[in-house]
Amino acid sequence: MRTSKRSSLIHLIYFSRAQLSAEPGVRARQINEIARHAQKKNEFSVITSLLIVDQGYFIQILEGERMSVQETFQRISADNRHRDVHIVEWREITKREFVTSFASAPRTPSNDALFQKANLGPMLQRGTPKASTIYSLAQALQADTMAKQGIDHLFV
């Protein structure tokens, strides 16, 4: 009898209402501060992630070992910069899809077309974003960022 081995590598997608300043300059500094702290913590915990910031929401994909992702998500849920934190998807994966310990992708004029195509706004407002839509947007944002850096493919 063959038993399937459970993977300890998981990914978690969540969204929350961002509790950040409405002033663009202050907001950018707040996101940079989040990135600086998260990158250090994620490197230590061997987590890869992508944080999408759009229309007053945080949307993030975390990848890593089950316990590390669980601890990271608990810390995020308790952070006062997040309100109404909801898990969209939590599942086992066989390999990582994201390459950095922490990358952020706020909506900007240069990536606005990707956000428009995903059309997450109405889903977020209803509280019903689809994991597949978030995942596709995150993949497109990662590919766009890497293309701007002259990287044309990943070896993950």
C-alpha atoms as a PDB file:
ATOM      1  CA  MET A   1       0.000   0.000   0.000  1.00  0.00           C
ATOM      2  CA  ARG A   2       1.389   3.363  -1.017  1.00  0.00           C
ATOM      3  CA  THR A   3       1.027   6.311   1.326  1.00  0.00           C
ATOM      4  CA  SER A   4       1.372   9.852   0.168  1.00  0.00           C
ATOM      5  CA  LYS A   5       3.938  11.946   1.925  1.00  0.00           C
ATOM      6  CA  ARG A   6       2.640  15.287   3.179  1.00  0.00           C
ATOM      7  CA  SER A   7       4.680  18.278   2.173  1.00  0.00           C
ATOM      8  CA  SER A   8       5.771  20.658   4.870  1.00  0.00           C
ATOM      9  CA  LEU A   9       6.151  23.398   2.237  1.00  0.00           C
ATOM     10  CA  ILE A  10       3.027  25.521   2.012  1.00  0.00           C
ATOM     11  CA  HIS A  11       1.787  28.767   0.599  1.00  0.00           C
ATOM     12  CA  LEU A  12      -0.701  31.069   2.219  1.00  0.00           C
ATOM     13  CA  ILE A  13      -2.577  33.897   0.532  1.00  0.00           C
ATOM     14  CA  TYR A  14      -4.277  36.484   2.706  1.00  0.00           C
ATOM     15  CA  PHE A  15      -5.683  39.975   2.381  1.00  0.00           C
ATOM     16  CA  SER A  16      -6.330  42.728   4.892  1.00  0.00           C
ATOM     17  CA  ARG A  17      -7.301  46.362   5.049  1.00  0.00           C
ATOM     18  CA  ALA A  18      -4.121  48.437   5.181  1.00  0.00           C
ATOM     19  CA  GLN A  19      -3.927  50.842   8.095  1.00  0.00           C
ATOM     20  CA  LEU A  20      -1.500  53.282   6.479  1.00  0.00           C
ATOM     21  CA  SER A  21      -1.306  57.035   5.986  1.00  0.00           C
ATOM     22  CA  ALA A  22      -3.360  58.566   3.187  1.00  0.00           C
ATOM     23  CA  GLU A  23      -0.430  60.888   2.373  1.00  0.00           C
ATOM     24  CA  PRO A  24       1.582  59.254  -0.471  1.00  0.00           C
ATOM     25  CA  GLY A  25       5.042  60.118   0.863  1.00  0.00           C
ATOM     26  CA  VAL A  26       4.336  58.887   4.373  1.00  0.00           C
ATOM     27  CA  ARG A  27       2.608  55.795   2.959  1.00  0.00           C
ATOM     28  CA  ALA A  28       5.685  54.974   0.831  1.00  0.00           C
ATOM     29  CA  ARG A  29       7.941  55.284   3.901  1.00  0.00           C
ATOM     30  CA  GLN A  30       5.604  53.020   5.879  1.00  0.00           C
ATOM     31  CA  ILE A  31       5.711  50.370   3.139  1.00  0.00           C
ATOM     32  CA  ASN A  32       9.519  50.634   3.002  1.00  0.00           C
ATOM     33  CA  GLU A  33       9.649  50.148   6.773  1.00  0.00           C
ATOM     34  CA  ILE A  34       7.417  47.070   6.506  1.00  0.00           C
ATOM     35  CA  ALA A  35       9.667  45.729   3.741  1.00  0.00           C
ATOM     36  CA  ARG A  36      12.861  46.293   5.733  1.00  0.00           C
ATOM     37  CA  HIS A  37      11.580  44.433   8.809  1.00  0.00           C
ATOM     38  CA  ALA A  38       9.797  41.691   6.877  1.00  0.00           C
ATOM     39  CA  GLN A  39      12.818  40.908   4.718  1.00  0.00           C
ATOM     40  CA  LYS A  40      15.007  40.288   7.777  1.00  0.00           C
ATOM     41  CA  LYS A  41      12.395  38.155   9.520  1.00  0.00           C
ATOM     42  CA  ASN A  42      11.550  36.205   6.352  1.00  0.00           C
ATOM     43  CA  GLU A  43      15.211  35.509   5.587  1.00  0.00           C
ATOM     44  CA  PHE A  44      15.665  34.134   9.094  1.00  0.00           C
ATOM     45  CA  SER A  45      12.509  31.996   8.733  1.00  0.00           C
ATOM     46  CA  VAL A  46      13.330  30.960   5.135  1.00  0.00           C
ATOM     47  CA  ILE A  47      10.097  32.414   3.791  1.00  0.00           C
ATOM     48  CA  THR A  48       9.558  33.809   0.314  1.00  0.00           C
ATOM     49  CA  SER A  49       6.775  36.290  -0.252  1.00  0.00           C
ATOM     50  CA  LEU A  50       5.207  38.975  -2.375  1.00  0.00           C
ATOM     51  CA  LEU A  51       3.131  41.786  -0.870  1.00  0.00           C
ATOM     52  CA  ILE A  52       0.690  43.538  -3.191  1.00  0.00           C
ATOM     53  CA  VAL A  53      -0.600  46.938  -2.062  1.00  0.00           C
ATOM     54  CA  ASP A  54      -3.735  48.169  -3.817  1.00  0.00           C
ATOM     55  CA  GLN A  55      -6.641  50.485  -3.007  1.00  0.00           C
ATOM     56  CA  GLY A  56      -6.143  50.363   0.760  1.00  0.00           C
ATOM     57  CA  TYR A  57      -5.557  46.611   0.908  1.00  0.00           C
ATOM     58  CA  PHE A  58      -2.588  44.364   1.579  1.00  0.00           C
ATOM     59  CA  ILE A  59      -2.639  41.115  -0.390  1.00  0.00           C
ATOM     60  CA  GLN A  60       0.245  38.742   0.266  1.00  0.00           C
ATOM     61  CA  ILE A  61       1.483  35.310  -0.682  1.00  0.00           C
ATOM     62  CA  LEU A  62       3.778  33.633   1.843  1.00  0.00           C
ATOM     63  CA  GLU A  63       5.718  30.455   1.037  1.00  0.00           C
ATOM     64  CA  GLY A  64       7.778  28.309   3.354  1.00  0.00           C
ATOM     65  CA  GLU A  65       7.782  25.550   5.911  1.00  0.00           C
ATOM     66  CA  ARG A  66       4.435  25.069   7.616  1.00  0.00           C
ATOM     67  CA  MET A  67       5.491  26.288  11.089  1.00  0.00           C
ATOM     68  CA  SER A  68       7.404  29.301   9.757  1.00  0.00           C
ATOM     69  CA  VAL A  69       4.462  30.459   7.638  1.00  0.00           C
ATOM     70  CA  GLN A  70       2.067  29.887  10.540  1.00  0.00           C
ATOM     71  CA  GLU A  71       4.218  31.963  12.921  1.00  0.00           C
ATOM     72  CA  THR A  72       4.659  34.710  10.321  1.00  0.00           C
ATOM     73  CA  PHE A  73       0.942  34.869   9.634  1.00  0.00           C
ATOM     74  CA  GLN A  74       0.167  35.075  13.368  1.00  0.00           C
ATOM     75  CA  ARG A  75       2.574  38.011  13.675  1.00  0.00           C
ATOM     76  CA  ILE A  76       0.975  39.731  10.653  1.00  0.00           C
ATOM     77  CA  SER A  77      -2.540  39.172  12.025  1.00  0.00           C
ATOM     78  CA  ALA A  78      -1.559  40.867  15.296  1.00  0.00           C
ATOM     79  CA  ASP A  79       0.100  43.843  13.544  1.00  0.00           C
ATOM     80  CA  ASN A  80      -1.935  47.038  13.931  1.00  0.00           C
ATOM     81  CA  ARG A  81      -1.183  48.019  10.314  1.00  0.00           C
ATOM     82  CA  HIS A  82      -3.609  45.249   9.275  1.00  0.00           C
ATOM     83  CA  ARG A  83      -7.354  45.199   9.871  1.00  0.00           C
ATOM     84  CA  ASP A  84      -9.833  42.495   8.915  1.00  0.00           C
ATOM     85  CA  VAL A  85      -7.224  39.864   8.014  1.00  0.00           C
ATOM     86  CA  HIS A  86      -8.670  36.993   5.936  1.00  0.00           C
ATOM     87  CA  ILE A  87      -7.030  33.845   4.605  1.00  0.00           C
ATOM     88  CA  VAL A  88      -7.891  33.255   0.947  1.00  0.00           C
ATOM     89  CA  GLU A  89      -5.905  30.038   0.476  1.00  0.00           C
ATOM     90  CA  TRP A  90      -3.657  27.784   2.514  1.00  0.00           C
ATOM     91  CA  ARG A  91      -2.265  24.750   0.707  1.00  0.00           C
ATOM     92  CA  GLU A  92       0.700  22.451   0.355  1.00  0.00           C
ATOM     93  CA  ILE A  93       3.071  23.110  -2.546  1.00  0.00           C
ATOM     94  CA  THR A  94       5.891  21.095  -4.061  1.00  0.00           C
ATOM     95  CA  LYS A  95       8.107  24.071  -4.929  1.00  0.00           C
ATOM     96  CA  ARG A  96       8.350  27.785  -4.343  1.00  0.00           C
ATOM     97  CA  GLU A  97       7.130  30.193  -7.001  1.00  0.00           C
ATOM     98  CA  PHE A  98       8.497  33.421  -5.546  1.00  0.00           C
ATOM     99  CA  VAL A  99      12.176  34.216  -5.410  1.00  0.00           C
ATOM    100  CA  THR A 100      12.735  36.798  -2.692  1.00  0.00           C
ATOM    101  CA  SER A 101      12.274  36.750   1.060  1.00  0.00           C
ATOM    102  CA  PHE A 102      10.144  39.865   0.708  1.00  0.00           C
ATOM    103  CA  ALA A 103       9.088  41.878  -2.312  1.00  0.00           C
ATOM    104  CA  SER A 104       6.421  44.531  -2.377  1.00  0.00           C
ATOM    105  CA  ALA A 105       4.377  45.542  -5.378  1.00  0.00           C
ATOM    106  CA  PRO A 106       2.339  48.656  -4.792  1.00  0.00           C
ATOM    107  CA  ARG A 107       0.109  49.758  -7.654  1.00  0.00           C
ATOM    108  CA  THR A 108       1.980  52.319  -9.765  1.00  0.00           C
ATOM    109  CA  PRO A 109       1.448  53.889 -13.197  1.00  0.00           C
ATOM    110  CA  SER A 110       3.998  51.433 -14.648  1.00  0.00           C
ATOM    111  CA  ASN A 111       2.134  48.302 -13.471  1.00  0.00           C
ATOM    112  CA  ASP A 112      -1.425  49.679 -13.474  1.00  0.00           C
ATOM    113  CA  ALA A 113      -2.395  47.631 -16.551  1.00  0.00           C
ATOM    114  CA  LEU A 114      -1.650  44.398 -14.636  1.00  0.00           C
ATOM    115  CA  PHE A 115      -3.859  45.545 -11.754  1.00  0.00           C
ATOM    116  CA  GLN A 116      -6.641  46.590 -14.118  1.00  0.00           C
ATOM    117  CA  LYS A 117      -6.558  43.215 -15.846  1.00  0.00           C
ATOM    118  CA  ALA A 118      -6.829  41.390 -12.506  1.00  0.00           C
ATOM    119  CA  ASN A 119      -9.712  43.667 -11.394  1.00  0.00           C
ATOM    120  CA  LEU A 120      -9.275  42.714  -7.729  1.00  0.00           C
ATOM    121  CA  GLY A 121     -10.911  45.879  -6.358  1.00  0.00           C
ATOM    122  CA  PRO A 122     -14.546  44.712  -6.465  1.00  0.00           C
ATOM    123  CA  MET A 123     -13.610  41.282  -5.074  1.00  0.00           C
ATOM    124  CA  LEU A 124     -11.672  42.857  -2.185  1.00  0.00           C
ATOM    125  CA  GLN A 125     -14.529  45.221  -1.385  1.00  0.00           C
ATOM    126  CA  ARG A 126     -16.941  42.262  -1.232  1.00  0.00           C
ATOM    127  CA  GLY A 127     -14.393  40.245   0.764  1.00  0.00           C
ATOM    128  CA  THR A 128     -14.318  37.516  -1.878  1.00  0.00           C
ATOM    129  CA  PRO A 129     -11.012  37.683  -3.787  1.00  0.00           C
ATOM    130  CA  LYS A 130     -10.155  34.507  -5.687  1.00  0.00           C
ATOM    131  CA  ALA A 131      -6.839  32.813  -4.955  1.00  0.00           C
ATOM    132  CA  SER A 132      -6.291  32.167  -8.670  1.00  0.00           C
ATOM    133  CA  THR A 133      -6.728  35.877  -9.489  1.00  0.00           C
ATOM    134  CA  ILE A 134      -4.325  36.951  -6.734  1.00  0.00           C
ATOM    135  CA  TYR A 135      -1.809  34.293  -7.723  1.00  0.00           C
ATOM    136  CA  SER A 136      -1.930  35.301 -11.408  1.00  0.00           C
ATOM    137  CA  LEU A 137      -1.458  38.972 -10.523  1.00  0.00           C
ATOM    138  CA  ALA A 138       1.445  38.146  -8.194  1.00  0.00           C
ATOM    139  CA  GLN A 139       3.136  36.045 -10.899  1.00  0.00           C
ATOM    140  CA  ALA A 140       2.666  38.842 -13.450  1.00  0.00           C
ATOM    141  CA  LEU A 141       4.036  41.464 -11.033  1.00  0.00           C
ATOM    142  CA  GLN A 142       7.062  39.298 -10.248  1.00  0.00           C
ATOM    143  CA  ALA A 143       7.726  38.705 -13.963  1.00  0.00           C
ATOM    144  CA  ASP A 144       7.314  42.435 -14.700  1.00  0.00           C
ATOM    145  CA  THR A 145       9.762  43.391 -11.946  1.00  0.00           C
ATOM    146  CA  MET A 146      12.290  40.820 -13.084  1.00  0.00           C
ATOM    147  CA  ALA A 147      11.978  41.875 -16.738  1.00  0.00           C
ATOM    148  CA  LYS A 148      12.738  45.458 -15.693  1.00  0.00           C
ATOM    149  CA  GLN A 149      15.880  44.086 -14.027  1.00  0.00           C
ATOM    150  CA  GLY A 150      16.862  42.247 -17.221  1.00  0.00           C
ATOM    151  CA  ILE A 151      15.986  38.772 -15.914  1.00  0.00           C
ATOM    152  CA  ASP A 152      13.999  36.819 -18.471  1.00  0.00           C
ATOM    153  CA  HIS A 153      13.279  33.565 -16.613  1.00  0.00           C
ATOM    154  CA  LEU A 154      13.507  31.889 -13.233  1.00  0.00           C
ATOM    155  CA  PHE A 155      15.159  28.711 -12.089  1.00  0.00           C
ATOM    156  CA  VAL A 156      13.043  27.923  -9.034  1.00  0.00           C
END
